[in-house]
Amino acid sequence: MEKLFPQEDGLKTKSARLDELNILLNLDSRKREMVDGDVGEEAGMPPTRDGRLDR
């Protein structure tokens, strides 16, 4: 198949690398959430009348 545009190979390479980096960043943020513990605690708490979380 003919290339659609001259930079197609570069785009494919960069898109694959971006996907790899996004996966690594998502893994890292999940690790921090598990270590911090704040996200799980706040997720179950209902907001107060003014929209803030009551601690």
C-alpha atoms as a PDB file:
ATOM      1  CA  MET A   1       0.000   0.000   0.000  1.00  0.00           C
ATOM      2  CA  GLU A   2       1.243   3.477  -0.801  1.00  0.00           C
ATOM      3  CA  LYS A   3       2.179   5.793   2.086  1.00  0.00           C
ATOM      4  CA  LEU A   4      -0.450   8.389   2.855  1.00  0.00           C
ATOM      5  CA  PHE A   5       2.129  11.015   3.834  1.00  0.00           C
ATOM      6  CA  PRO A   6       5.943  11.171   4.130  1.00  0.00           C
ATOM      7  CA  GLN A   7       6.062  11.272   7.949  1.00  0.00           C
ATOM      8  CA  GLU A   8       3.868   8.189   8.435  1.00  0.00           C
ATOM      9  CA  ASP A   9       6.694   5.968   9.714  1.00  0.00           C
ATOM     10  CA  GLY A  10       7.794   8.582  12.234  1.00  0.00           C
ATOM     11  CA  LEU A  11       4.231   9.036  13.433  1.00  0.00           C
ATOM     12  CA  LYS A  12       3.796   5.301  13.991  1.00  0.00           C
ATOM     13  CA  THR A  13       7.068   5.107  15.954  1.00  0.00           C
ATOM     14  CA  LYS A  14       6.248   8.129  18.092  1.00  0.00           C
ATOM     15  CA  SER A  15       2.679   6.946  18.719  1.00  0.00           C
ATOM     16  CA  ALA A  16       3.942   3.567  19.905  1.00  0.00           C
ATOM     17  CA  ARG A  17       6.439   5.261  22.246  1.00  0.00           C
ATOM     18  CA  LEU A  18       3.720   7.573  23.577  1.00  0.00           C
ATOM     19  CA  ASP A  19       1.537   4.552  24.357  1.00  0.00           C
ATOM     20  CA  GLU A  20       4.431   2.937  26.271  1.00  0.00           C
ATOM     21  CA  LEU A  21       5.045   6.080  28.296  1.00  0.00           C
ATOM     22  CA  ASN A  22       1.352   6.503  29.116  1.00  0.00           C
ATOM     23  CA  ILE A  23       1.226   2.929  30.407  1.00  0.00           C
ATOM     24  CA  LEU A  24       4.272   3.555  32.607  1.00  0.00           C
ATOM     25  CA  LEU A  25       2.816   6.803  33.943  1.00  0.00           C
ATOM     26  CA  ASN A  26      -0.492   5.127  34.746  1.00  0.00           C
ATOM     27  CA  LEU A  27       1.307   2.356  36.611  1.00  0.00           C
ATOM     28  CA  ASP A  28       3.319   4.904  38.568  1.00  0.00           C
ATOM     29  CA  SER A  29       0.243   6.905  39.572  1.00  0.00           C
ATOM     30  CA  ARG A  30      -1.510   3.742  40.773  1.00  0.00           C
ATOM     31  CA  LYS A  31       1.499   2.875  42.927  1.00  0.00           C
ATOM     32  CA  ARG A  32       1.435   6.356  44.489  1.00  0.00           C
ATOM     33  CA  GLU A  33      -2.288   6.077  45.185  1.00  0.00           C
ATOM     34  CA  MET A  34      -1.755   2.782  46.964  1.00  0.00           C
ATOM     35  CA  VAL A  35       1.106   4.225  49.029  1.00  0.00           C
ATOM     36  CA  ASP A  36      -0.666   7.485  49.892  1.00  0.00           C
ATOM     37  CA  GLY A  37      -3.999   5.888  50.683  1.00  0.00           C
ATOM     38  CA  ASP A  38      -5.805   9.230  50.394  1.00  0.00           C
ATOM     39  CA  VAL A  39      -7.692   8.476  47.205  1.00  0.00           C
ATOM     40  CA  GLY A  40      -9.460   5.417  48.574  1.00  0.00           C
ATOM     41  CA  GLU A  41     -10.501   7.125  51.791  1.00  0.00           C
ATOM     42  CA  GLU A  42     -11.898  10.231  50.092  1.00  0.00           C
ATOM     43  CA  ALA A  43     -13.710   8.273  47.405  1.00  0.00           C
ATOM     44  CA  GLY A  44     -16.213   6.877  49.914  1.00  0.00           C
ATOM     45  CA  MET A  45     -16.885  10.158  51.724  1.00  0.00           C
ATOM     46  CA  PRO A  46     -19.866  12.229  50.610  1.00  0.00           C
ATOM     47  CA  PRO A  47     -19.245  15.937  50.022  1.00  0.00           C
ATOM     48  CA  THR A  48     -20.620  18.504  52.462  1.00  0.00           C
ATOM     49  CA  ARG A  49     -23.315  20.992  51.456  1.00  0.00           C
ATOM     50  CA  ASP A  50     -20.739  23.435  50.069  1.00  0.00           C
ATOM     51  CA  GLY A  51     -19.128  20.688  47.945  1.00  0.00           C
ATOM     52  CA  ARG A  52     -16.018  20.131  50.071  1.00  0.00           C
ATOM     53  CA  LEU A  53     -15.080  16.797  51.565  1.00  0.00           C
ATOM     54  CA  ASP A  54     -15.595  16.724  55.312  1.00  0.00           C
ATOM     55  CA  ARG A  55     -12.676  15.122  57.118  1.00  0.00           C
END
